[in-house]
Structure formats: structure tokens, C-alpha cells
Amino acid sequence: MPITARGVIARTPGAPGKVEEFTIDDPGPGEVLVRILASGVCHTDLGMKRGDYGTGDFPHLLGHEGAGIIEAVGPGVQRPQVGDHVILAWRAPCGECRFCLRGLPHLCAASLNAEKRMRTMDGQTLSPVLGIGTFCTHTLVHAKQAIPVSPDLPPAQMSLIGCGVMTGVGAALYTAGVRPGTSAAIFGCGGVGDSVIQGARLTGATRIIAVDVDPRKLEWATQFGATDTVNAREEDPVERILELTGGNGADYSFEAVGRPQTLMQALFCRDLAGVCVLIGVPGSDMTLELPMAKFFSRGGSLRVSWYGDCLPTRDFPLLAEWYRQGRLNLDDVVTRTISIEESEAAFEAMERGETLRSVIQFEPQAVPA
């Protein structure tokens, strides 16, 4: 029997998202209905709302960092079960595409999603952001997108593992493969950048250099493990990173902004044969003009990190356990907890640089209509 839910819907590019009621059909084969307990407000949602990544899929059900409880399962679903607490993943390997068959499921080309069974009250089919949609009381996802975690862990912190934290930690852990005793430079110290810092610390990097133009974000970066900070508005970050590394440059660099200028800085602050990782999502009109001889002479590699090259079934429980052990600081990533009606204000606070993450929290007694 279909239910009525409430969520933040963006109907047209650039317009504010508005809280509306919408309907969700019963879960189909391999699908689950999730009651959302908490959802992080990520910069990607702002880009989707503005139409930065294309305008063909409106209206959007915003949100893609979510934690909740399974309320119903479709035919054939054995796991998760009703009542399980879960973190939602926007990548769920299919097991059958060319990458999965090569043993590279983190590159799955046919990631599993639920069928589009959510509609506005005037009959428009909703496109949930990244196949999830979490700024809402309930959402419908593929069962393999719902990763069980212990029910005693706080939903606000767990929701952030679903995208930003996993992306950053995974970029250090898996995409770059940061090794103990090395140096890393992180450009952009928002929620993702600070998660890179934590990932570099967890892997044993001994010099972790945070680069940003906002003194407040640089101060936050030190809380997560940065050993040095560079205000790129006040000094040349490449020159300063070279000074901090004995004239050699960083072994690893990470661009968590999505801009050509910062990517160039990240490329040329590296030591010889260093690894540069692009994490920030660029706009569709952005281009990079690269001095090829200089790039060649530096050697090393430029890599793109999708979702931190993670496997959610392996890595979400791992990060949740690191949080439980006190090794992964998620409490300080949650800058504010808000209601669903405050999502637009959260985007504005994000653009002003006031938050790492605002997290929407829902009343625990929420039930399907």
C-alpha cells in the first residue's frame, strides 16, 4: 500500500527546495523502504539543486547522506530486515558489469538503484539525488544500498559516513594509498577535506598540510589532525608546502574544491612521483590548461576519486567501528542539527563557510502515513 512522505523537492534549477508531501509505492523486488532518522546536507545537493550537473532530471528529491531504519522490504529481500538500522550508499555494485567481473566492484558501471516509485502529489516522477533522496521522512532504495550498522550508534554521525566522510577517508586510504611516514597536502577543508585529513592521519602520515582561504576552516582542520595550515589568501600555497617539506613537495595532494586553479596548485605542490587526487566535483563548464612538460617532469600520477573508491558493505561498518573506538572524529563534523524546514538555510550557511555539515534530524516517532 503506497504511503505519503514529506521531503525537500527541487522542481526547477536554481529555485529553493521546498518541503512537500509525496507518495511512495510499495517496495518492488530487491527494494526496501527506509524511514530516515538523519541526513547530512552536502555540497553536491546544492549543485544538484542549482543544476550544476545538468538539468534533465528535475524534480529532484534532495539528499544523499542518510541513516535510518528499514520499515518494509520487497520480494526476495533477505538482508537487511525490517527494523535494521542502516546507512545508505549511493553506490551498490551490481556484481555483473565488466568492472565487477574483473574484481573491481568499486568501479561498478551499473550501480543498483530502486525503480522510480516516488511521485509528487501532482504526479511527477521524482529523481532522488544519487539514487537515494534523504531530505525526507521516508525513501525507497535498492536493498544493497542499505548497509546495516549497530543501532546504538548515533544516526547524525552515521549519516555522514554515507558520502562525505567515506569519500574523504577513502580517498586517502584507497585512491591515494597514503603510506606511513609520508606527507599530504589537502586543498579545501570542508567536510570532505577534513575527512581526507582524518584518513591521512589514520594511515600514518606524519605531516598533514591543510590549505584553505577561510581561517575558521583552517582552525577546524587542526582538530581533525592537520599538523600545518596554509591560508592561500595570504601566501602562495605551493611555495609554502615546498618550504614545509624541505623543498621537496608533498608525497600526496588532494583537491577537494573542484576548481581548475586549486587542482593546478595540488598538482605542482607534489614531490617527484607524488600522487594527486581530484575529489572536488567540477562544474560541467570547467576546463584545465596544463603545462605538459612541467607535468611530465614531475612524474607521479593524477587520479580521480569516486566515493573514495570504497566498498560500502566493507567500509561503512569499518568507519562506524572506528567512530566507536574514538579513532574517527565525527562529532565535530556535525556543526549544526536542524529540521527539514531549515534545509535551505543550511545551504546558505554552507555557502558562507559557517558549517562543515548541517544534519537534518527527524523525530524518532515518525511513522508512515
Protein backbone atom coordinates (compact mmCIF):
# COMPACT_ATOMS: atom_id res chain seq x y z
CA MET A 1 0.00 0.00 0.00
CA PRO A 2 1.55 3.36 -1.00
CA ILE A 3 2.48 5.78 1.77
CA THR A 4 2.67 9.57 1.93
CA ALA A 5 6.02 11.04 2.95
CA ARG A 6 7.44 14.56 3.32
CA GLY A 7 10.66 15.76 1.76
CA VAL A 8 12.59 18.64 0.20
CA ILE A 9 11.90 18.77 -3.52
CA ALA A 10 13.73 20.92 -6.07
CA ARG A 11 11.42 21.38 -9.05
CA THR A 12 13.46 23.77 -11.21
CA PRO A 13 17.19 24.62 -11.43
CA GLY A 14 18.22 27.43 -9.11
CA ALA A 15 14.94 27.66 -7.24
CA PRO A 16 14.80 26.97 -3.49
CA GLY A 17 13.94 23.45 -2.45
CA LYS A 18 10.57 23.24 -0.73
CA VAL A 19 9.12 20.76 1.74
CA GLU A 20 6.30 18.88 0.06
CA GLU A 21 4.32 15.72 0.53
CA PHE A 22 4.95 12.93 -1.99
CA THR A 23 3.90 9.32 -2.43
CA ILE A 24 5.97 6.14 -2.34
CA ASP A 25 4.75 2.87 -3.81
CA ASP A 26 5.39 -0.44 -2.05
CA PRO A 27 8.96 -1.73 -2.42
CA GLY A 28 9.46 -3.83 -5.53
CA PRO A 29 11.74 -6.86 -5.87
CA GLY A 30 15.09 -6.19 -4.25
CA GLU A 31 13.95 -2.85 -2.76
CA VAL A 32 13.46 -1.52 0.77
CA LEU A 33 11.53 1.34 2.36
CA VAL A 34 13.66 3.35 4.79
CA ARG A 35 12.46 5.73 7.48
CA ILE A 36 15.13 8.42 7.61
CA LEU A 37 16.48 9.37 11.03
CA ALA A 38 19.19 11.82 9.91
CA SER A 39 20.57 13.32 6.71
CA GLY A 40 23.68 15.35 6.10
CA VAL A 41 23.46 18.47 3.92
CA CYS A 42 26.22 18.03 1.33
CA HIS A 43 27.57 20.47 -1.27
CA THR A 44 26.60 18.03 -4.03
CA ASP A 45 22.95 18.57 -3.10
CA LEU A 46 23.47 22.30 -3.57
CA GLY A 47 24.96 21.63 -7.01
CA MET A 48 22.05 19.37 -7.95
CA LYS A 49 19.56 21.98 -6.81
CA ARG A 50 21.29 24.66 -8.88
CA GLY A 51 21.50 22.40 -11.95
CA ASP A 52 25.32 22.45 -11.99
CA TYR A 53 25.49 18.85 -13.20
CA GLY A 54 22.69 19.01 -15.75
CA THR A 55 19.03 19.93 -15.73
CA GLY A 56 17.32 16.92 -17.29
CA ASP A 57 16.17 15.04 -14.19
CA PHE A 58 14.09 17.57 -12.29
CA PRO A 59 12.22 17.41 -9.98
CA HIS A 60 14.82 16.12 -7.52
CA LEU A 61 14.25 14.67 -4.10
CA LEU A 62 17.28 16.20 -2.40
CA GLY A 63 19.73 14.48 -0.08
CA HIS A 64 22.13 11.56 -0.32
CA GLU A 65 23.76 11.23 3.13
CA GLY A 66 21.26 9.27 5.15
CA ALA A 67 20.83 6.93 8.09
CA GLY A 68 17.57 5.31 9.03
CA ILE A 69 15.55 2.21 9.84
CA ILE A 70 14.15 -0.39 7.44
CA GLU A 71 10.34 -0.27 7.56
CA ALA A 72 9.41 -2.60 4.70
CA VAL A 73 11.17 -4.91 2.25
CA GLY A 74 10.24 -6.02 -1.23
CA PRO A 75 10.02 -9.54 -2.64
CA GLY A 76 13.22 -11.54 -2.43
CA VAL A 77 14.99 -9.31 0.11
CA GLN A 78 16.79 -11.34 2.78
CA ARG A 79 19.06 -8.58 4.07
CA PRO A 80 18.57 -6.03 5.50
CA GLN A 81 15.50 -6.87 7.54
CA VAL A 82 12.68 -4.76 8.92
CA GLY A 83 13.94 -2.91 12.00
CA ASP A 84 17.60 -2.86 10.94
CA HIS A 85 19.45 0.43 11.33
CA VAL A 86 21.24 1.30 8.10
CA ILE A 87 23.47 3.82 6.37
CA LEU A 88 22.52 4.49 2.76
CA ALA A 89 25.10 4.18 -0.02
CA TRP A 90 24.79 5.77 -3.43
CA ARG A 91 26.97 3.06 -4.97
CA ALA A 92 25.82 -0.56 -4.77
CA PRO A 93 27.89 -2.83 -7.05
CA CYS A 94 25.81 -4.95 -9.40
CA GLY A 95 28.20 -7.91 -9.48
CA GLU A 96 27.68 -8.39 -13.21
CA CYS A 97 29.17 -5.44 -15.14
CA ARG A 98 32.61 -5.52 -16.76
CA PHE A 99 34.28 -3.94 -13.71
CA CYS A 100 32.60 -6.16 -11.13
CA LEU A 101 33.57 -9.22 -13.17
CA ARG A 102 37.19 -8.02 -13.18
CA GLY A 103 37.18 -7.83 -9.39
CA LEU A 104 36.82 -4.01 -9.35
CA PRO A 105 33.36 -3.54 -7.82
CA HIS A 106 34.25 -0.04 -6.58
CA LEU A 107 34.17 1.00 -10.25
CA CYS A 108 30.80 -0.66 -10.95
CA ALA A 109 29.28 0.74 -14.15
CA ALA A 110 25.72 -0.37 -13.35
CA SER A 111 25.26 0.54 -9.70
CA LEU A 112 21.94 -0.71 -8.33
CA ASN A 113 19.06 1.65 -7.58
CA ALA A 114 15.39 1.25 -6.80
CA GLU A 115 12.91 1.83 -9.59
CA LYS A 116 11.46 5.33 -9.60
CA ARG A 117 8.39 4.72 -7.47
CA MET A 118 8.23 8.12 -5.74
CA ARG A 119 5.98 10.87 -7.12
CA THR A 120 4.93 14.39 -6.26
CA MET A 121 1.33 14.97 -5.29
CA ASP A 122 0.70 16.36 -8.80
CA GLY A 123 2.00 13.16 -10.40
CA GLN A 124 5.60 14.00 -11.38
CA THR A 125 8.13 11.20 -11.00
CA LEU A 126 10.88 12.17 -8.58
CA SER A 127 14.59 11.72 -9.26
CA PRO A 128 16.25 11.06 -5.89
CA VAL A 129 19.72 12.60 -5.72
CA LEU A 130 22.35 9.94 -6.48
CA GLY A 131 19.60 7.33 -6.45
CA ILE A 132 18.81 7.83 -2.76
CA GLY A 133 16.98 11.02 -1.68
CA THR A 134 17.35 11.58 2.08
CA PHE A 135 15.93 15.04 2.87
CA CYS A 136 12.70 13.25 3.66
CA THR A 137 10.82 11.21 6.22
CA HIS A 138 10.99 8.08 4.03
CA THR A 139 12.74 6.97 0.88
CA LEU A 140 12.92 3.91 -1.36
CA VAL A 141 16.28 2.36 -2.25
CA HIS A 142 17.74 -0.90 -3.52
CA ALA A 143 18.35 -3.33 -0.67
CA LYS A 144 22.08 -3.36 -1.45
CA GLN A 145 22.19 0.39 -0.89
CA ALA A 146 21.18 -0.07 2.75
CA ILE A 147 24.17 -1.13 4.87
CA PRO A 148 23.32 -2.37 8.40
CA VAL A 149 25.13 -0.84 11.37
CA SER A 150 24.69 -1.15 15.11
CA PRO A 151 21.51 0.54 16.41
CA ASP A 152 23.36 2.08 19.35
CA LEU A 153 25.39 4.42 17.11
CA PRO A 154 24.05 7.99 16.64
CA PRO A 155 22.19 8.49 13.34
CA ALA A 156 23.52 12.03 12.73
CA GLN A 157 27.13 10.87 12.76
CA MET A 158 26.34 7.66 10.88
CA SER A 159 24.58 9.56 8.07
CA LEU A 160 27.82 11.38 7.24
CA ILE A 161 29.62 8.10 6.58
CA GLY A 162 27.21 7.67 3.67
CA CYS A 163 29.03 10.21 1.48
CA GLY A 164 31.35 12.99 2.63
CA VAL A 165 33.27 11.16 5.33
CA MET A 166 33.61 7.97 3.29
CA THR A 167 34.69 9.96 0.24
CA GLY A 168 37.44 11.75 2.13
CA VAL A 169 38.72 8.88 4.24
CA GLY A 170 38.57 6.55 1.22
CA ALA A 171 40.49 8.99 -0.96
CA ALA A 172 43.42 8.76 1.46
CA LEU A 173 43.02 5.08 2.25
CA TYR A 174 42.26 3.62 -1.18
CA THR A 175 42.60 6.13 -4.05
CA ALA A 176 45.94 7.56 -2.95
CA GLY A 177 47.10 4.71 -0.74
CA VAL A 178 48.79 7.06 1.75
CA ARG A 179 51.67 5.30 3.46
CA PRO A 180 53.03 5.74 6.99
CA GLY A 181 55.64 8.41 7.49
CA THR A 182 54.67 10.43 4.42
CA SER A 183 53.33 13.94 3.82
CA ALA A 184 49.95 15.01 2.44
CA ALA A 185 48.52 18.38 1.38
CA ILE A 186 44.75 18.87 1.37
CA PHE A 187 43.23 21.76 -0.61
CA GLY A 188 39.77 22.65 0.69
CA CYS A 189 38.97 21.96 4.32
CA GLY A 190 35.23 21.43 4.34
CA GLY A 191 33.58 18.22 5.41
CA VAL A 192 35.27 16.14 2.69
CA GLY A 193 38.69 17.77 3.06
CA ASP A 194 38.69 17.28 6.82
CA SER A 195 37.79 13.64 6.24
CA VAL A 196 40.84 13.34 3.97
CA ILE A 197 42.88 14.76 6.84
CA GLN A 198 41.47 12.09 9.14
CA GLY A 199 42.14 9.39 6.57
CA ALA A 200 45.75 10.53 6.18
CA ARG A 201 46.16 10.51 9.95
CA LEU A 202 44.67 7.01 10.21
CA THR A 203 47.10 5.69 7.59
CA GLY A 204 50.11 7.12 9.44
CA ALA A 205 51.03 10.28 7.50
CA THR A 206 53.27 12.39 9.71
CA ARG A 207 52.94 15.78 8.01
CA ILE A 208 49.42 16.78 7.03
CA ILE A 209 49.10 20.24 5.50
CA ALA A 210 45.67 21.87 5.32
CA VAL A 211 45.09 24.59 2.70
CA ASP A 212 42.09 26.91 2.62
CA VAL A 213 41.21 30.62 2.38
CA ASP A 214 38.99 30.62 5.49
CA PRO A 215 40.78 30.91 8.87
CA ARG A 216 37.84 29.22 10.59
CA LYS A 217 38.15 26.15 8.35
CA LEU A 218 41.88 26.02 8.94
CA GLU A 219 41.24 26.06 12.67
CA TRP A 220 38.76 23.20 12.25
CA ALA A 221 41.32 21.29 10.18
CA THR A 222 43.73 21.19 13.12
CA GLN A 223 41.03 19.48 15.21
CA PHE A 224 40.99 16.62 12.72
CA GLY A 225 44.74 16.09 12.56
CA ALA A 226 46.37 18.74 10.34
CA THR A 227 49.92 19.39 11.50
CA ASP A 228 50.27 22.60 9.46
CA THR A 229 47.88 25.12 7.92
CA VAL A 230 48.25 27.43 4.92
CA ASN A 231 45.96 30.35 4.20
CA ALA A 232 46.03 30.53 0.40
CA ARG A 233 44.64 34.06 0.51
CA GLU A 234 47.71 35.28 2.38
CA GLU A 235 50.55 33.26 0.81
CA ASP A 236 51.34 31.08 -2.16
CA PRO A 237 50.30 27.59 -1.08
CA VAL A 238 52.68 25.78 -3.43
CA GLU A 239 55.70 27.72 -2.17
CA ARG A 240 54.65 27.24 1.45
CA ILE A 241 54.15 23.49 1.03
CA LEU A 242 57.61 23.23 -0.54
CA GLU A 243 59.05 25.09 2.47
CA LEU A 244 57.26 22.77 4.90
CA THR A 245 58.60 19.68 3.14
CA GLY A 246 62.27 20.64 2.88
CA GLY A 247 61.90 21.93 -0.66
CA ASN A 248 60.65 18.60 -1.99
CA GLY A 249 56.87 18.88 -2.01
CA ALA A 250 54.17 16.64 -0.58
CA ASP A 251 54.06 12.91 -1.26
CA TYR A 252 50.30 13.15 -1.73
CA SER A 253 47.99 16.03 -2.56
CA PHE A 254 44.20 16.18 -2.58
CA GLU A 255 41.92 18.69 -4.29
CA ALA A 256 38.56 18.81 -2.50
CA VAL A 257 37.21 22.00 -4.09
CA GLY A 258 36.56 21.18 -7.75
CA ARG A 259 38.28 24.19 -9.34
CA PRO A 260 41.00 24.31 -12.01
CA GLN A 261 43.13 26.77 -10.03
CA THR A 262 43.30 24.62 -6.92
CA LEU A 263 43.88 21.46 -8.97
CA MET A 264 46.92 23.12 -10.57
CA GLN A 265 48.23 24.02 -7.11
CA ALA A 266 47.66 20.46 -5.91
CA LEU A 267 49.49 19.08 -8.95
CA PHE A 268 52.58 21.22 -8.54
CA CYS A 269 52.96 21.11 -4.78
CA ARG A 270 53.89 17.42 -5.08
CA ASP A 271 57.26 15.81 -4.69
CA LEU A 272 58.69 13.88 -7.65
CA ALA A 273 56.47 10.87 -8.41
CA GLY A 274 53.86 12.16 -5.99
CA VAL A 275 50.18 11.31 -6.20
CA CYS A 276 47.50 13.98 -6.76
CA VAL A 277 43.85 13.06 -6.16
CA LEU A 278 40.92 15.06 -7.54
CA ILE A 279 37.89 14.72 -5.24
CA GLY A 280 36.02 18.01 -5.70
CA VAL A 281 33.25 17.76 -8.30
CA PRO A 282 33.90 20.33 -11.08
CA GLY A 283 31.15 22.16 -12.90
CA SER A 284 30.29 20.95 -16.39
CA ASP A 285 31.88 24.04 -18.00
CA MET A 286 35.24 23.89 -16.20
CA THR A 287 38.45 23.21 -18.14
CA LEU A 288 42.10 22.79 -17.20
CA GLU A 289 45.02 24.15 -19.22
CA LEU A 290 48.01 22.05 -18.25
CA PRO A 291 51.71 22.76 -18.96
CA MET A 292 52.52 19.28 -20.16
CA ALA A 293 56.32 19.47 -19.94
CA LYS A 294 56.13 20.61 -16.31
CA PHE A 295 53.59 17.91 -15.52
CA PHE A 296 55.71 15.24 -17.21
CA SER A 297 58.87 16.27 -15.41
CA ARG A 298 57.14 15.99 -12.05
CA GLY A 299 56.09 12.40 -12.75
CA GLY A 300 53.71 10.58 -10.48
CA SER A 301 50.00 10.46 -11.15
CA LEU A 302 46.72 12.36 -11.20
CA ARG A 303 43.82 10.24 -10.00
CA VAL A 304 40.10 10.87 -9.70
CA SER A 305 38.42 9.57 -6.57
CA TRP A 306 34.82 8.43 -6.92
CA TYR A 307 33.32 7.87 -3.48
CA GLY A 308 36.78 7.25 -2.08
CA ASP A 309 36.97 4.04 -4.16
CA CYS A 310 35.07 2.41 -1.32
CA LEU A 311 33.01 -0.73 -0.98
CA PRO A 312 30.13 0.30 1.30
CA THR A 313 29.48 -3.20 2.64
CA ARG A 314 33.11 -3.38 3.77
CA ASP A 315 33.84 0.22 4.65
CA PHE A 316 30.71 1.64 6.30
CA PRO A 317 30.90 -0.83 9.22
CA LEU A 318 34.66 -0.21 9.42
CA LEU A 319 34.25 3.56 9.74
CA ALA A 320 31.38 3.11 12.18
CA GLU A 321 33.63 0.97 14.37
CA TRP A 322 36.47 3.49 14.12
CA TYR A 323 33.99 6.10 15.35
CA ARG A 324 33.01 3.86 18.25
CA GLN A 325 36.68 3.39 19.14
CA GLY A 326 37.33 7.15 19.08
CA ARG A 327 39.70 6.90 16.11
CA LEU A 328 37.39 8.71 13.68
CA ASN A 329 36.03 12.07 14.86
CA LEU A 330 32.52 12.53 13.50
CA ASP A 331 31.10 14.54 16.38
CA ASP A 332 32.97 17.69 15.34
CA VAL A 333 31.90 17.27 11.71
CA VAL A 334 28.29 17.84 12.81
CA THR A 335 28.27 21.62 13.07
CA ARG A 336 24.50 22.01 13.42
CA THR A 337 21.44 19.81 13.73
CA ILE A 338 18.37 21.21 12.00
CA SER A 339 14.81 20.42 10.99
CA ILE A 340 13.80 19.55 7.45
CA GLU A 341 12.27 23.02 7.10
CA GLU A 342 15.72 24.57 7.63
CA SER A 343 17.45 22.86 4.69
CA GLU A 344 17.52 25.99 2.54
CA ALA A 345 19.07 27.97 5.40
CA ALA A 346 21.64 25.18 5.74
CA PHE A 347 22.67 25.63 2.10
CA GLU A 348 23.10 29.35 2.71
CA ALA A 349 25.23 28.69 5.81
CA MET A 350 27.32 26.26 3.76
CA GLU A 351 27.98 28.89 1.09
CA ARG A 352 29.03 31.36 3.79
CA GLY A 353 31.50 28.81 5.15
CA GLU A 354 29.81 28.60 8.54
CA THR A 355 29.43 24.82 8.68
CA LEU A 356 31.19 21.58 7.94
CA ARG A 357 27.89 19.72 7.96
CA SER A 358 24.39 20.64 8.94
CA VAL A 359 22.45 17.47 9.71
CA ILE A 360 18.69 17.17 9.38
CA GLN A 361 17.26 15.15 12.26
CA PHE A 362 13.78 13.66 12.27
CA GLU A 363 11.56 12.89 15.21
CA PRO A 364 12.09 9.26 16.25
CA GLN A 365 8.36 8.61 16.46
CA ALA A 366 7.78 9.39 12.76
CA VAL A 367 5.64 6.69 11.13
CA PRO A 368 4.32 6.11 7.61
CA ALA A 369 1.06 7.84 6.78
